[in-house]
Protein backbone atom coordinates (compact mmCIF):
# COMPACT_ATOMS: atom_id res chain seq x y z
CA UNK A 1 0.00 0.00 0.00
CA UNK A 2 1.25 3.47 -0.87
CA UNK A 3 2.64 5.55 1.97
CA UNK A 4 2.74 9.33 2.21
CA UNK A 5 6.52 9.21 1.74
CA UNK A 6 5.95 8.23 -1.88
CA UNK A 7 4.92 10.62 -4.63
CA UNK A 8 1.27 11.66 -4.52
CA UNK A 9 -1.20 9.83 -6.73
CA UNK A 10 -1.65 11.75 -9.96
CA UNK A 11 -5.11 12.42 -11.33
CA UNK A 12 -6.25 11.99 -14.93
CA UNK A 13 -6.58 15.09 -17.07
CA UNK A 14 -8.03 14.49 -20.54
CA UNK A 15 -6.74 10.92 -20.48
CA UNK A 16 -3.21 11.61 -19.23
CA UNK A 17 -1.70 11.68 -15.72
CA UNK A 18 -1.19 15.09 -14.16
CA UNK A 19 -0.32 16.68 -10.84
CA UNK A 20 -1.55 19.85 -9.21
CA UNK A 21 0.08 22.13 -6.67
CA UNK A 22 -1.57 20.71 -3.53
CA UNK A 23 -2.47 17.32 -2.07
CA UNK A 24 -4.73 15.67 0.48
CA UNK A 25 -4.26 12.44 2.40
CA UNK A 26 -6.43 9.34 2.18
CA UNK A 27 -6.71 7.33 5.39
CA UNK A 28 -8.16 3.97 6.37
CA UNK A 29 -11.48 4.13 8.25
CA UNK A 30 -10.48 0.97 10.11
CA UNK A 31 -7.20 1.96 11.74
CA UNK A 32 -6.51 5.51 10.55
CA UNK A 33 -3.34 4.62 8.68
CA UNK A 34 -2.42 6.81 5.75
CA UNK A 35 -2.90 5.11 2.40
CA UNK A 36 -1.38 7.82 0.27
CA UNK A 37 -1.59 11.42 -0.83
CA UNK A 38 -3.66 12.51 -3.82
CA UNK A 39 -2.79 15.45 -6.03
CA UNK A 40 -5.51 18.10 -6.40
CA UNK A 41 -6.09 19.71 -9.80
CA UNK A 42 -5.73 23.47 -9.99
CA UNK A 43 -8.52 25.63 -11.34
CA UNK A 44 -6.54 25.98 -14.58
CA UNK A 45 -6.27 22.19 -14.89
CA UNK A 46 -10.00 21.75 -14.32
CA UNK A 47 -10.62 24.30 -17.05
CA UNK A 48 -8.24 22.38 -19.33
CA UNK A 49 -10.16 19.14 -18.73
CA UNK A 50 -13.53 20.75 -19.44
CA UNK A 51 -12.20 22.51 -22.55
CA UNK A 52 -10.71 19.23 -23.82
CA UNK A 53 -14.03 17.47 -23.33
CA UNK A 54 -15.86 20.22 -25.20
CA UNK A 55 -13.34 20.09 -28.02
CA UNK A 56 -13.66 16.31 -28.52
CA UNK A 57 -17.45 16.10 -28.29
CA UNK A 58 -18.17 15.80 -32.02
CA UNK A 59 -15.25 13.46 -32.67
CA UNK A 60 -16.19 11.15 -29.83
CA UNK A 61 -19.86 11.06 -30.79
CA UNK A 62 -18.84 9.96 -34.29
CA UNK A 63 -16.54 7.20 -33.02
CA UNK A 64 -17.62 3.81 -34.44
CA UNK A 65 -19.55 1.63 -32.00
CA UNK A 66 -16.94 -1.13 -32.16
CA UNK A 67 -14.25 1.26 -30.88
CA UNK A 68 -16.33 2.31 -27.88
CA UNK A 69 -17.32 -1.29 -27.21
CA UNK A 70 -13.69 -2.42 -27.37
CA UNK A 71 -12.69 0.18 -24.79
CA UNK A 72 -15.37 -1.01 -22.38
CA UNK A 73 -14.42 -4.65 -22.98
CA UNK A 74 -10.80 -3.83 -22.22
CA UNK A 75 -11.68 -2.23 -18.89
CA UNK A 76 -13.90 -5.19 -18.01
CA UNK A 77 -11.08 -7.68 -18.72
CA UNK A 78 -8.51 -5.70 -16.80
CA UNK A 79 -10.79 -5.46 -13.78
CA UNK A 80 -10.99 -9.25 -13.79
CA UNK A 81 -7.21 -9.56 -14.01
CA UNK A 82 -6.65 -7.15 -11.11
CA UNK A 83 -9.62 -8.17 -8.96
CA UNK A 84 -7.76 -8.97 -5.76
CA UNK A 85 -5.58 -5.87 -5.92
CA UNK A 86 -8.54 -3.60 -6.55
CA UNK A 87 -10.67 -5.27 -3.88
CA UNK A 88 -7.94 -4.69 -1.31
CA UNK A 89 -7.74 -1.05 -2.37
CA UNK A 90 -11.51 -0.64 -1.98
CA UNK A 91 -11.39 -2.31 1.43
CA UNK A 92 -8.50 -0.14 2.59
CA UNK A 93 -9.92 3.25 1.61
CA UNK A 94 -13.60 2.49 2.26
CA UNK A 95 -13.47 0.04 5.20
CA UNK A 96 -15.55 -2.48 3.24
CA UNK A 97 -15.00 -6.15 4.18
CA UNK A 98 -13.14 -8.10 1.52
CA UNK A 99 -16.10 -10.35 0.69
CA UNK A 100 -18.11 -7.28 -0.30
CA UNK A 101 -15.14 -5.53 -1.95
CA UNK A 102 -14.58 -8.50 -4.26
CA UNK A 103 -18.27 -8.43 -5.07
CA UNK A 104 -18.03 -4.77 -5.96
CA UNK A 105 -15.21 -5.44 -8.41
CA UNK A 106 -17.28 -8.22 -9.96
CA UNK A 107 -20.18 -5.85 -10.43
CA UNK A 108 -17.96 -3.25 -12.09
CA UNK A 109 -16.74 -5.99 -14.44
CA UNK A 110 -20.36 -6.56 -15.44
CA UNK A 111 -21.11 -2.85 -15.83
CA UNK A 112 -18.37 -2.40 -18.42
CA UNK A 113 -19.36 -5.65 -20.14
CA UNK A 114 -22.97 -4.50 -20.36
CA UNK A 115 -21.76 -1.15 -21.71
CA UNK A 116 -19.79 -2.91 -24.44
CA UNK A 117 -22.88 -4.87 -25.42
CA UNK A 118 -25.14 -1.81 -25.37
CA UNK A 119 -22.64 0.24 -27.40
CA UNK A 120 -23.16 -2.20 -30.26
CA UNK A 121 -26.96 -2.22 -30.20
CA UNK A 122 -27.95 1.17 -28.79
CA UNK A 123 -29.16 3.96 -31.09
CA UNK A 124 -29.77 1.77 -34.11
CA UNK A 125 -32.61 4.08 -35.11
CA UNK A 126 -36.35 3.60 -35.34
CA UNK A 127 -38.19 4.08 -38.63
CA UNK A 128 -41.79 5.29 -38.61
CA UNK A 129 -43.96 5.61 -41.70
CA UNK A 130 -45.89 8.86 -41.78
CA UNK A 131 -48.42 8.07 -44.49
CA UNK A 132 -50.89 7.00 -41.83
CA UNK A 133 -52.15 10.55 -42.39
CA UNK A 134 -52.76 12.04 -45.84
CA UNK A 135 -50.25 14.81 -45.25
CA UNK A 136 -47.48 12.29 -44.70
CA UNK A 137 -47.63 10.39 -47.99
CA UNK A 138 -44.11 9.71 -49.26
CA UNK A 139 -42.53 10.56 -45.92
CA UNK A 140 -40.59 8.42 -43.43
CA UNK A 141 -39.38 9.47 -39.99
CA UNK A 142 -36.10 8.09 -38.67
CA UNK A 143 -35.47 8.67 -34.96
CA UNK A 144 -32.02 8.29 -33.43
CA UNK A 145 -30.47 9.29 -30.11
CA UNK A 146 -27.55 11.71 -29.83
CA UNK A 147 -25.44 12.75 -26.81
CA UNK A 148 -26.65 15.75 -24.83
CA UNK A 149 -23.07 16.77 -24.12
CA UNK A 150 -20.30 16.22 -21.60
CA UNK A 151 -21.37 14.50 -18.39
CA UNK A 152 -20.31 15.64 -14.94
CA UNK A 153 -20.34 12.41 -12.92
CA UNK A 154 -20.27 12.86 -9.13
CA UNK A 155 -19.71 9.59 -7.26
CA UNK A 156 -20.09 8.73 -3.54
CA UNK A 157 -17.80 6.90 -1.13
CA UNK A 158 -19.87 3.78 -0.42
CA UNK A 159 -19.17 2.02 -3.74
CA UNK A 160 -15.98 3.80 -4.80
CA UNK A 161 -15.45 1.66 -7.90
CA UNK A 162 -18.86 0.44 -9.04
CA UNK A 163 -20.69 3.74 -8.79
CA UNK A 164 -17.85 5.36 -10.73
CA UNK A 165 -18.34 2.62 -13.31
CA UNK A 166 -22.04 3.47 -13.48
CA UNK A 167 -21.11 7.05 -14.41
CA UNK A 168 -18.28 6.29 -16.82
CA UNK A 169 -19.31 3.15 -18.72
CA UNK A 170 -22.62 4.52 -20.12
CA UNK A 171 -20.86 7.71 -21.21
CA UNK A 172 -18.22 5.77 -23.11
CA UNK A 173 -20.87 3.52 -24.64
CA UNK A 174 -22.82 6.45 -26.15
CA UNK A 175 -19.73 8.43 -27.11
CA UNK A 176 -20.04 11.40 -24.79
CA UNK A 177 -17.15 12.80 -22.74
CA UNK A 178 -17.27 12.57 -18.95
CA UNK A 179 -15.62 14.46 -16.10
CA UNK A 180 -15.63 12.13 -13.10
CA UNK A 181 -15.42 13.56 -9.59
CA UNK A 182 -14.83 10.82 -6.99
CA UNK A 183 -15.67 11.23 -3.31
CA UNK A 184 -12.83 12.90 -1.35
CA UNK A 185 -12.78 10.03 1.15
CA UNK A 186 -12.31 7.34 -1.52
CA UNK A 187 -10.55 8.65 -4.65
CA UNK A 188 -8.01 5.85 -5.07
CA UNK A 189 -10.38 3.35 -6.71
CA UNK A 190 -11.45 5.97 -9.26
CA UNK A 191 -7.84 6.86 -10.02
CA UNK A 192 -7.05 3.18 -10.56
CA UNK A 193 -10.00 2.99 -12.94
CA UNK A 194 -8.30 5.84 -14.79
CA UNK A 195 -5.23 3.62 -15.24
CA UNK A 196 -7.35 1.09 -17.10
CA UNK A 197 -9.06 3.73 -19.23
CA UNK A 198 -5.65 5.12 -20.17
CA UNK A 199 -4.78 1.75 -21.72
CA UNK A 200 -7.58 2.13 -24.28
CA UNK A 201 -7.61 4.03 -27.58
CA UNK A 202 -10.29 6.50 -26.56
CA UNK A 203 -9.67 10.02 -27.87
CA UNK A 204 -7.90 12.53 -25.63
CA UNK A 205 -10.45 14.56 -23.73
CA UNK A 206 -13.06 11.81 -23.70
CA UNK A 207 -12.60 11.34 -19.96
CA UNK A 208 -10.97 12.89 -16.92
CA UNK A 209 -10.86 11.85 -13.25
CA UNK A 210 -10.57 14.96 -11.10
CA UNK A 211 -10.43 14.68 -7.28
CA UNK A 212 -11.76 18.20 -6.82
CA UNK A 213 -12.66 19.30 -3.27
CA UNK A 214 -16.38 19.60 -2.62
CA UNK A 215 -16.15 23.33 -2.00
CA UNK A 216 -14.99 23.84 -5.59
CA UNK A 217 -17.94 22.01 -7.13
CA UNK A 218 -20.30 24.97 -7.71
CA UNK A 219 -18.23 26.26 -10.63
CA UNK A 220 -18.31 22.85 -12.33
CA UNK A 221 -22.01 22.37 -11.66
CA UNK A 222 -22.80 25.72 -13.25
CA UNK A 223 -20.46 25.34 -16.24
CA UNK A 224 -22.69 25.38 -19.34
CA UNK A 225 -20.23 23.10 -21.18
CA UNK A 226 -21.32 20.30 -18.81
CA UNK A 227 -25.03 19.98 -19.67
CA UNK A 228 -25.56 16.62 -17.95
CA UNK A 229 -25.06 15.93 -14.23
CA UNK A 230 -25.18 12.39 -12.84
CA UNK A 231 -25.07 12.52 -9.05
CA UNK A 232 -25.23 9.83 -6.38
CA UNK A 233 -25.17 11.01 -2.78
CA UNK A 234 -27.12 12.77 -0.06
CA UNK A 235 -30.49 14.39 -0.60
CA UNK A 236 -29.58 17.93 0.50
CA UNK A 237 -26.60 18.04 -1.86
CA UNK A 238 -28.51 16.44 -4.72
CA UNK A 239 -31.48 18.80 -4.57
CA UNK A 240 -29.12 21.76 -4.28
CA UNK A 241 -27.67 20.74 -7.64
CA UNK A 242 -31.09 21.10 -9.24
CA UNK A 243 -31.45 24.54 -7.67
CA UNK A 244 -27.98 25.57 -8.85
CA UNK A 245 -28.38 24.28 -12.40
CA UNK A 246 -32.12 24.12 -13.20
CA UNK A 247 -31.64 24.06 -16.97
CA UNK A 248 -29.35 21.03 -16.97
CA UNK A 249 -30.37 17.42 -17.45
CA UNK A 250 -29.73 16.04 -13.96
CA UNK A 251 -30.12 12.52 -12.62
CA UNK A 252 -30.10 12.10 -8.85
CA UNK A 253 -29.82 8.93 -6.76
CA UNK A 254 -30.38 10.21 -3.25
CA UNK A 255 -30.84 7.28 -0.93
CA UNK A 256 -33.69 5.54 0.80
CA UNK A 257 -35.21 4.11 3.93
CA UNK A 258 -35.44 0.52 2.71
CA UNK A 259 -38.31 -1.63 3.95
CA UNK A 260 -38.40 -5.42 4.03
CA UNK A 261 -42.02 -6.58 4.30
CA UNK A 262 -42.79 -10.08 5.55
CA UNK A 263 -46.35 -11.11 4.71
CA UNK A 264 -48.48 -13.69 6.52
CA UNK A 265 -47.96 -16.48 3.98
CA UNK A 266 -44.17 -16.38 4.54
CA UNK A 267 -44.71 -18.43 7.67
CA UNK A 268 -42.78 -21.69 7.76
CA UNK A 269 -39.68 -21.97 9.93
CA UNK A 270 -37.61 -22.33 6.77
CA UNK A 271 -39.21 -19.19 5.32
CA UNK A 272 -38.55 -17.14 8.44
CA UNK A 273 -34.98 -18.42 8.80
CA UNK A 274 -34.27 -17.38 5.21
CA UNK A 275 -35.83 -13.95 5.72
CA UNK A 276 -33.92 -13.38 8.95
CA UNK A 277 -30.62 -14.38 7.37
CA UNK A 278 -31.11 -12.10 4.38
CA UNK A 279 -32.34 -9.21 6.52
CA UNK A 280 -29.37 -9.48 8.89
CA UNK A 281 -26.83 -9.67 6.07
CA UNK A 282 -28.23 -6.76 4.09
CA UNK A 283 -28.93 -4.46 6.99
CA UNK A 284 -25.23 -4.64 7.78
CA UNK A 285 -23.38 -5.17 4.50
CA UNK A 286 -21.14 -2.22 3.62
CA UNK A 287 -21.63 -1.23 7.29
CA UNK A 288 -25.21 -0.37 6.39
CA UNK A 289 -23.84 2.31 4.05
CA UNK A 290 -25.96 1.36 1.08
CA UNK A 291 -28.97 3.26 -0.21
CA UNK A 292 -30.93 0.00 -0.40
CA UNK A 293 -29.78 -1.62 2.82
CA UNK A 294 -32.56 -2.96 5.06
CA UNK A 295 -33.48 -0.28 7.58
CA UNK A 296 -37.09 -1.17 8.36
CA UNK A 297 -38.62 -4.63 8.79
CA UNK A 298 -42.41 -4.62 8.63
CA UNK A 299 -43.79 -8.04 9.53
CA UNK A 300 -47.37 -9.27 9.55
CA UNK A 301 -48.57 -9.66 13.13
CA UNK A 302 -49.09 -13.40 12.57
CA UNK A 303 -45.36 -13.99 11.98
CA UNK A 304 -43.78 -11.09 13.89
CA UNK A 305 -43.20 -12.84 17.20
CA UNK A 306 -41.43 -15.78 15.56
CA UNK A 307 -39.42 -13.62 13.16
CA UNK A 308 -38.07 -11.13 15.69
CA UNK A 309 -35.77 -13.49 17.69
CA UNK A 310 -34.51 -15.03 14.45
CA UNK A 311 -33.52 -11.59 13.14
CA UNK A 312 -31.79 -10.69 16.39
CA UNK A 313 -29.84 -13.97 16.40
CA UNK A 314 -28.85 -13.56 12.75
CA UNK A 315 -27.66 -10.01 13.38
CA UNK A 316 -25.65 -11.10 16.41
CA UNK A 317 -23.98 -13.73 14.21
CA UNK A 318 -22.55 -11.01 11.95
CA UNK A 319 -18.78 -10.83 12.42
CA UNK A 320 -17.52 -7.29 13.04
CA UNK A 321 -13.85 -6.52 12.67
CA UNK A 322 -10.89 -5.87 10.40
CA UNK A 323 -12.22 -5.45 6.84
CA UNK A 324 -9.10 -7.07 5.40
CA UNK A 325 -10.02 -10.34 7.16
CA UNK A 326 -12.05 -12.67 4.94
CA UNK A 327 -14.14 -13.71 7.95
CA UNK A 328 -15.40 -10.17 8.59
CA UNK A 329 -18.99 -9.33 7.66
CA UNK A 330 -19.19 -5.78 9.02
CA UNK A 331 -16.41 -3.23 8.94
CA UNK A 332 -16.23 0.38 10.09
CA UNK A 333 -18.24 3.29 8.79
CA UNK A 334 -16.47 5.75 6.55
CA UNK A 335 -15.24 7.78 9.53
CA UNK A 336 -15.80 8.30 13.24
CA UNK A 337 -18.16 11.23 12.72
CA UNK A 338 -20.48 8.96 10.71
CA UNK A 339 -20.47 6.41 13.53
CA UNK A 340 -21.16 9.13 16.10
CA UNK A 341 -24.16 10.30 14.06
CA UNK A 342 -25.58 6.75 13.95
CA UNK A 343 -24.98 6.45 17.70
CA UNK A 344 -26.88 9.67 18.33
CA UNK A 345 -29.86 8.53 16.25
CA UNK A 346 -30.09 5.22 18.09
CA UNK A 347 -29.76 6.93 21.47
CA UNK A 348 -32.49 9.38 20.49
CA UNK A 349 -34.85 6.53 19.54
CA UNK A 350 -34.17 4.68 22.81
CA UNK A 351 -34.83 7.83 24.86
CA UNK A 352 -38.12 8.20 22.97
CA UNK A 353 -39.19 4.68 23.96
CA UNK A 354 -37.69 2.29 21.41
CA UNK A 355 -36.48 -1.11 22.64
CA UNK A 356 -32.82 -1.87 21.97
CA UNK A 357 -32.65 -5.61 21.24
CA UNK A 358 -28.98 -5.93 20.37
CA UNK A 359 -26.02 -3.72 19.49
CA UNK A 360 -26.07 -0.02 20.25
CA UNK A 361 -22.33 0.23 20.89
CA UNK A 362 -19.69 2.33 19.13
CA UNK A 363 -15.93 1.78 19.04
CA UNK A 364 -14.28 4.56 17.07
CA UNK A 365 -15.63 4.41 13.50
CA UNK A 366 -17.21 0.99 14.09
CA UNK A 367 -20.81 0.70 15.18
CA UNK A 368 -22.11 -2.68 16.34
CA UNK A 369 -24.92 -4.25 14.24
CA UNK A 370 -28.06 -3.02 15.97
CA UNK A 371 -31.73 -4.02 16.13
CA UNK A 372 -34.56 -2.01 17.67
CA UNK A 373 -38.30 -2.48 17.96
CA UNK A 374 -41.17 -0.16 18.83
CA UNK A 375 -39.38 2.87 17.40
CA UNK A 376 -41.67 5.90 17.81
CA UNK A 377 -42.82 7.75 14.72
CA UNK A 378 -41.06 11.04 14.23
CA UNK A 379 -37.63 9.92 15.39
CA UNK A 380 -34.91 10.27 12.80
CA UNK A 381 -34.37 6.53 12.86
CA UNK A 382 -37.97 5.94 11.79
CA UNK A 383 -38.14 8.36 8.90
CA UNK A 384 -34.65 9.29 7.65
CA UNK A 385 -31.84 7.26 6.11
CA UNK A 386 -29.57 6.04 8.90
CA UNK A 387 -26.77 4.88 6.54
CA UNK A 388 -25.38 2.58 9.21
CA UNK A 389 -25.74 -0.99 10.52
CA UNK A 390 -29.11 -0.43 12.20
CA UNK A 391 -32.53 -1.95 11.55
CA UNK A 392 -35.93 -1.58 13.16
CA UNK A 393 -38.84 -4.01 13.40
CA UNK A 394 -42.55 -3.27 13.54
CA UNK A 395 -45.72 -5.32 13.17
CA UNK A 396 -48.56 -4.75 10.72
CA UNK A 397 -52.19 -5.92 10.80
CA UNK A 398 -52.32 -7.38 7.32
CA UNK A 399 -51.01 -6.73 3.84
CA UNK A 400 -52.65 -3.36 3.29
CA UNK A 401 -51.31 -2.01 6.57
CA UNK A 402 -47.82 -3.32 5.77
CA UNK A 403 -47.79 -1.58 2.39
CA UNK A 404 -49.08 1.63 3.96
CA UNK A 405 -46.32 1.50 6.60
CA UNK A 406 -43.67 1.02 3.91
CA UNK A 407 -45.06 4.00 1.98
CA UNK A 408 -45.04 6.16 5.11
CA UNK A 409 -41.68 7.63 4.19
CA UNK A 410 -40.35 10.55 2.21
CA UNK A 411 -38.13 8.06 0.38
CA UNK A 412 -39.04 5.52 -2.26
CA UNK A 413 -36.01 3.69 -3.61
CA UNK A 414 -36.65 -0.06 -3.30
CA UNK A 415 -38.69 -2.42 -1.12
CA UNK A 416 -38.47 -6.15 -0.50
CA UNK A 417 -41.58 -8.28 -0.06
CA UNK A 418 -41.34 -11.80 1.35
CA UNK A 419 -44.35 -13.63 -0.07
CA UNK A 420 -45.14 -16.77 -2.06
CA UNK A 421 -48.42 -15.31 -3.35
CA UNK A 422 -48.06 -14.09 -6.92
CA UNK A 423 -51.20 -11.99 -6.58
CA UNK A 424 -49.74 -10.32 -3.49
CA UNK A 425 -46.57 -9.68 -5.50
CA UNK A 426 -48.54 -7.82 -8.15
CA UNK A 427 -50.48 -5.92 -5.49
CA UNK A 428 -47.16 -4.88 -3.95
CA UNK A 429 -45.88 -3.76 -7.32
CA UNK A 430 -48.96 -1.58 -7.73
CA UNK A 431 -49.15 -0.24 -4.17
CA UNK A 432 -45.54 0.43 -3.14
CA UNK A 433 -44.29 3.91 -4.05
CA UNK A 434 -40.73 2.90 -4.89
CA UNK A 435 -38.50 2.49 -7.91
CA UNK A 436 -38.07 -1.26 -7.42
CA UNK A 437 -39.98 -4.06 -5.70
CA UNK A 438 -38.00 -7.22 -4.93
CA UNK A 439 -40.22 -10.26 -4.33
CA UNK A 440 -38.99 -13.03 -2.04
CA UNK A 441 -35.93 -11.10 -0.90
CA UNK A 442 -34.64 -7.91 0.71
CA UNK A 443 -34.74 -4.48 -1.00
CA UNK A 444 -30.96 -4.62 -1.34
CA UNK A 445 -30.89 -6.69 -4.53
CA UNK A 446 -29.64 -4.81 -7.57
CA UNK A 447 -28.67 -6.12 -10.98
CA UNK A 448 -26.50 -3.57 -12.75
CA UNK A 449 -28.32 -3.87 -16.06
CA UNK A 450 -31.80 -3.17 -14.65
CA UNK A 451 -33.27 0.33 -14.14
CA UNK A 452 -32.30 1.59 -10.70
CA UNK A 453 -33.63 4.71 -9.07
CA UNK A 454 -36.40 5.95 -6.88
CA UNK A 455 -39.55 7.95 -6.34
CA UNK A 456 -40.32 10.84 -4.00
CA UNK A 457 -37.18 12.11 -2.22
CA UNK A 458 -35.07 9.21 -3.50
CA UNK A 459 -34.24 11.11 -6.66
CA UNK A 460 -34.96 11.47 -10.36
CA UNK A 461 -33.80 9.46 -13.38
CA UNK A 462 -32.41 5.96 -13.52
CA UNK A 463 -29.07 4.20 -13.39
CA UNK A 464 -28.49 0.83 -15.07
CA UNK A 465 -26.32 0.92 -18.16
CA UNK A 466 -28.95 1.20 -20.91
CA UNK A 467 -31.11 3.54 -18.85
CA UNK A 468 -28.21 5.85 -18.06
CA UNK A 469 -27.36 5.88 -21.76
CA UNK A 470 -30.89 7.10 -22.45
CA UNK A 471 -30.44 9.84 -19.84
CA UNK A 472 -27.17 10.90 -21.45
CA UNK A 473 -28.81 11.25 -24.88
CA UNK A 474 -31.88 12.77 -26.52
CA UNK A 475 -34.07 11.81 -29.48
CA UNK A 476 -33.58 13.57 -32.79
CA UNK A 477 -35.95 12.86 -35.66
CA UNK A 478 -35.17 13.13 -39.38
CA UNK A 479 -38.02 13.14 -41.93
CA UNK A 480 -37.25 11.80 -45.41
CA UNK A 481 -39.48 13.16 -48.14
CA UNK A 482 -40.43 11.97 -51.62
CA UNK A 483 -40.11 8.26 -50.93
CA UNK A 484 -42.03 5.44 -52.57
CA UNK A 485 -43.05 3.36 -49.59
């Protein structure tokens, strides 16, 4: 691992390595050790990157599909070859246990593979005959999609490789330049991704990776040469982007308050054991720092009393410790302040009358996997995104009440519904005000090719390679006249 005695990590300016005139340190959330220094681009270098992207827009958009696909395939292959190295880097800078870090690399492999596939089939054009009306005789409309312009991709710390991939890969696939800004806490994975991109034959200016401090973001957000913003992060920051740049095409993934609903028919011991195991794992994976982690368990009153002790036991079986140890399930949060915030929310709920069933302890940046019941409405834990290894349980008097409880939130990202009843599954799909409904499992399932995003305060737009490509482009119609159809 790099030490601060070595040269700072360079960033990527228009496809080439560069160094600025200042640096910042990256430290491990687990033990505080310094992982390396990262060079910060100057304002002039940021301007150079944006100008290079603007200059290459037309050339990149005209790049043959096979060239863009080959670049994505190359990155996908190289991620496979360097999986263990990259997973250890993710684990070191993010605090993510190795089992989840390897999984994140595997998902990024798929994202670039999907992008290569979509680059070859996206934007083939749709023909529409217009002689369905007398005024359209001899006319044919051909609709194709074209890039809106350079993308400003702003990535969070919780998936420092895969959520960068979800910004970059769709941009490369459609042939639009991208300026990627990684999270200040976890820039090293993004910079390593830049190494792999630099091995491709993409045109200079097609991509940059700029570890710009958050306080310098307003100028980039407002730059008219960056007409598309793809942001994943907190709600207050995301909505402020819309306020700051209302005329831009902005996609926001802003988090959730994920509910796992256990209906009455999910009642056998085997069913409840499975639900408890999945709930425990995905309330605590990534230290609970996932937008679709399980935060609320809403169980039908006929199964609640049997499910609750199973969930508590499964949570207590989660192994907390050194993220570099393969046996570890739960590592630290991104920093001690994050753990202190989670601690304060749990303490607030307990003071208000919630029952603490297990956990509730903090050690530095690590917070013990925690389960509470009877959490009063109005506490932050009941209605906001905790973004930590904490889950709550409540009972519901039937399906309709369970769905209403899940909807009683400002967020609407994904929900999980444990049921064997296909009719109940379709009722859930109709009733739940979320972007995704996962039947027979927790809300934390995500396939990187499917549309991913939310309703209400969970954001606007969709990730998922093809769906992000649609967001990065717009339809343009051409009408051909004088044809014999």
